[in-house]
Protein backbone atom coordinates (compact mmCIF):
# COMPACT_ATOMS: atom_id res chain seq x y z
CA UNK A 1 24.16 -53.93 -1.20
CA UNK A 2 24.59 -52.62 -4.64
CA UNK A 3 25.04 -48.97 -5.55
CA UNK A 4 22.25 -47.42 -7.60
CA UNK A 5 23.62 -45.37 -10.48
CA UNK A 6 21.65 -42.33 -11.59
CA UNK A 7 21.43 -41.91 -15.33
CA UNK A 8 22.15 -38.49 -16.84
CA UNK A 9 21.42 -37.26 -20.30
CA UNK A 10 23.90 -35.33 -22.37
CA UNK A 11 21.27 -33.28 -24.21
CA UNK A 12 19.29 -32.18 -21.17
CA UNK A 13 16.52 -34.74 -21.41
CA UNK A 14 15.78 -36.31 -18.07
CA UNK A 15 15.09 -40.03 -18.01
CA UNK A 16 11.51 -41.06 -17.33
CA UNK A 17 10.85 -41.77 -13.69
CA UNK A 18 9.18 -44.82 -12.39
CA UNK A 19 5.80 -44.54 -10.75
CA UNK A 20 5.96 -44.68 -6.97
CA UNK A 21 4.95 -47.93 -5.42
CA UNK A 22 2.00 -48.40 -3.11
CA UNK A 23 4.24 -48.48 -0.04
CA UNK A 24 5.45 -44.91 -0.76
CA UNK A 25 1.88 -43.64 -1.04
CA UNK A 26 0.99 -45.04 2.38
CA UNK A 27 3.78 -43.07 4.05
CA UNK A 28 2.78 -39.74 2.51
CA UNK A 29 -0.91 -39.90 3.42
CA UNK A 30 -0.32 -38.43 6.88
CA UNK A 31 0.05 -34.88 5.47
CA UNK A 32 -3.05 -33.19 4.02
CA UNK A 33 -2.94 -32.93 0.25
CA UNK A 34 -4.15 -30.14 -2.01
CA UNK A 35 -4.88 -30.25 -5.69
CA UNK A 36 -1.86 -29.06 -7.66
CA UNK A 37 -3.89 -26.69 -9.82
CA UNK A 38 -5.00 -24.54 -6.89
CA UNK A 39 -1.88 -24.56 -4.74
CA UNK A 40 1.08 -24.00 -7.00
CA UNK A 41 -0.02 -23.23 -10.56
CA UNK A 42 -1.98 -20.07 -11.49
CA UNK A 43 -4.31 -20.37 -14.38
CA UNK A 44 -3.84 -18.15 -17.45
CA UNK A 45 -7.28 -16.65 -16.79
CA UNK A 46 -6.09 -15.23 -13.45
CA UNK A 47 -3.07 -13.65 -15.13
CA UNK A 48 -5.28 -12.10 -17.83
CA UNK A 49 -7.60 -10.64 -15.17
CA UNK A 50 -4.64 -8.92 -13.49
CA UNK A 51 -3.41 -7.55 -16.83
CA UNK A 52 -6.85 -6.24 -17.72
CA UNK A 53 -7.16 -4.54 -14.32
CA UNK A 54 -3.79 -2.87 -14.79
CA UNK A 55 -4.78 -1.66 -18.24
CA UNK A 56 -8.09 -0.40 -16.92
CA UNK A 57 -6.38 1.52 -14.11
CA UNK A 58 -3.90 3.09 -16.54
CA UNK A 59 -6.73 4.12 -18.86
CA UNK A 60 -8.64 5.69 -15.95
CA UNK A 61 -5.59 7.69 -14.86
CA UNK A 62 -4.98 8.88 -18.43
CA UNK A 63 -8.63 9.95 -18.75
CA UNK A 64 -8.42 11.92 -15.49
CA UNK A 65 -5.25 13.69 -16.65
CA UNK A 66 -6.88 14.61 -19.96
CA UNK A 67 -9.97 15.97 -18.18
CA UNK A 68 -7.99 17.97 -15.60
CA UNK A 69 -5.45 19.67 -17.88
CA UNK A 70 -6.59 22.89 -19.53
CA UNK A 71 -7.32 22.85 -23.24
CA UNK A 72 -6.63 25.58 -25.78
CA UNK A 73 -9.45 27.81 -26.98
CA UNK A 74 -9.92 29.84 -30.12
CA UNK A 75 -10.64 33.44 -29.14
CA UNK A 76 -11.98 36.12 -31.47
CA UNK A 77 -11.23 39.55 -29.99
CA UNK A 78 -11.40 43.15 -31.19
CA UNK A 79 -10.29 46.67 -30.35
CA UNK A 80 -11.26 49.81 -32.29
CA UNK A 81 -12.89 47.78 -35.08
CA UNK A 82 -9.84 45.54 -35.61
CA UNK A 83 -10.95 41.90 -35.23
CA UNK A 84 -8.49 39.05 -34.86
CA UNK A 85 -8.51 35.34 -33.97
CA UNK A 86 -5.90 33.59 -31.91
CA UNK A 87 -5.44 30.33 -30.03
CA UNK A 88 -5.31 30.95 -26.29
CA UNK A 89 -3.64 28.46 -23.94
CA UNK A 90 -4.70 29.05 -20.31
CA UNK A 91 -1.56 27.37 -18.97
CA UNK A 92 -1.22 24.82 -16.22
CA UNK A 93 -3.06 26.07 -13.14
CA UNK A 94 -2.70 29.73 -14.17
CA UNK A 95 1.03 29.64 -14.99
CA UNK A 96 2.34 29.81 -18.54
CA UNK A 97 -0.63 31.42 -20.29
CA UNK A 98 0.07 32.33 -23.90
CA UNK A 99 -1.32 33.26 -27.28
CA UNK A 100 0.19 31.13 -30.00
CA UNK A 101 0.64 33.99 -32.49
CA UNK A 102 1.80 36.78 -30.15
CA UNK A 103 4.87 37.57 -28.09
CA UNK A 104 2.76 39.57 -25.62
CA UNK A 105 1.69 38.11 -22.27
CA UNK A 106 -2.09 37.52 -22.13
CA UNK A 107 -4.36 37.81 -19.13
CA UNK A 108 -7.88 36.68 -19.94
CA UNK A 109 -11.02 37.36 -17.95
CA UNK A 110 -13.40 35.07 -19.79
CA UNK A 111 -16.31 35.79 -17.45
CA UNK A 112 -16.21 39.51 -18.37
CA UNK A 113 -15.22 38.88 -22.02
CA UNK A 114 -12.00 40.87 -21.79
CA UNK A 115 -8.44 40.06 -22.75
CA UNK A 116 -5.42 42.04 -21.59
CA UNK A 117 -2.23 41.82 -23.66
CA UNK A 118 0.82 43.12 -21.80
CA UNK A 119 4.49 43.56 -22.61
CA UNK A 120 5.19 43.13 -18.90
CA UNK A 121 2.54 41.84 -16.47
CA UNK A 122 4.16 43.68 -13.55
CA UNK A 123 3.64 47.09 -15.20
CA UNK A 124 -0.05 47.74 -15.93
CA UNK A 125 0.83 50.72 -18.16
CA UNK A 126 2.07 48.31 -20.86
CA UNK A 127 -1.29 46.45 -21.09
CA UNK A 128 -3.97 46.90 -23.74
CA UNK A 129 -7.55 45.78 -23.23
CA UNK A 130 -9.40 43.82 -25.94
CA UNK A 131 -13.03 42.72 -25.98
CA UNK A 132 -13.65 39.03 -26.61
CA UNK A 133 -16.34 38.56 -29.23
CA UNK A 134 -16.39 34.77 -29.51
CA UNK A 135 -14.92 31.75 -27.75
CA UNK A 136 -14.57 28.42 -29.54
CA UNK A 137 -13.48 25.09 -28.09
CA UNK A 138 -10.60 22.70 -28.46
CA UNK A 139 -11.44 21.33 -31.91
CA UNK A 140 -11.71 24.79 -33.48
CA UNK A 141 -8.39 25.78 -31.91
CA UNK A 142 -6.77 22.57 -33.14
CA UNK A 143 -8.12 23.18 -36.67
CA UNK A 144 -6.77 26.76 -36.65
CA UNK A 145 -3.33 25.56 -35.52
CA UNK A 146 -3.20 22.92 -38.27
CA UNK A 147 -4.38 25.23 -41.06
CA UNK A 148 -2.09 28.13 -40.14
C-alpha cells in the first residue's frame, strides 16, 4: 500500500477536489437527501424580510411614543387686562409641568380655561389665577420657541 499525501497550499487556496465516483454515490443513497438551498443556506430575500420587519416594529414603537408623550402648547392668558403668551409644557403624566418663560410653577385647568401660577404649590396663598384666552397647538409653540 502506498501512502496518499494531501497537498496543502501556502497562500490559502485549497486544491480542487476530484468528483466522487459512482461507487461513493451508491453508499450515500440510504439517507434521505434535501436540496442544499432549503436546508443550510438562507436566501438574501429571507434576511431582508427579517430586517424590514425589525425596522417596521421600531417605527411603530417610535410612533406610539410620540403619540403618548405630551406636547407643548402655546397659551394666551390674561389678568386685569394684561395679556401674555407663553409655551406650556404639561409634563410627563402630570409631573414636571412648566412655563418656558417663567420661574413660577403652573397648574393648568384647560377644561375651565384657568391657569394658576404659584411660587409654591403646597401653599395656595402664593398662587395667582389667570384666565386662558386662547390655546394653540404644538407647531405654534415650536414657532414661538424658535423666534424668541
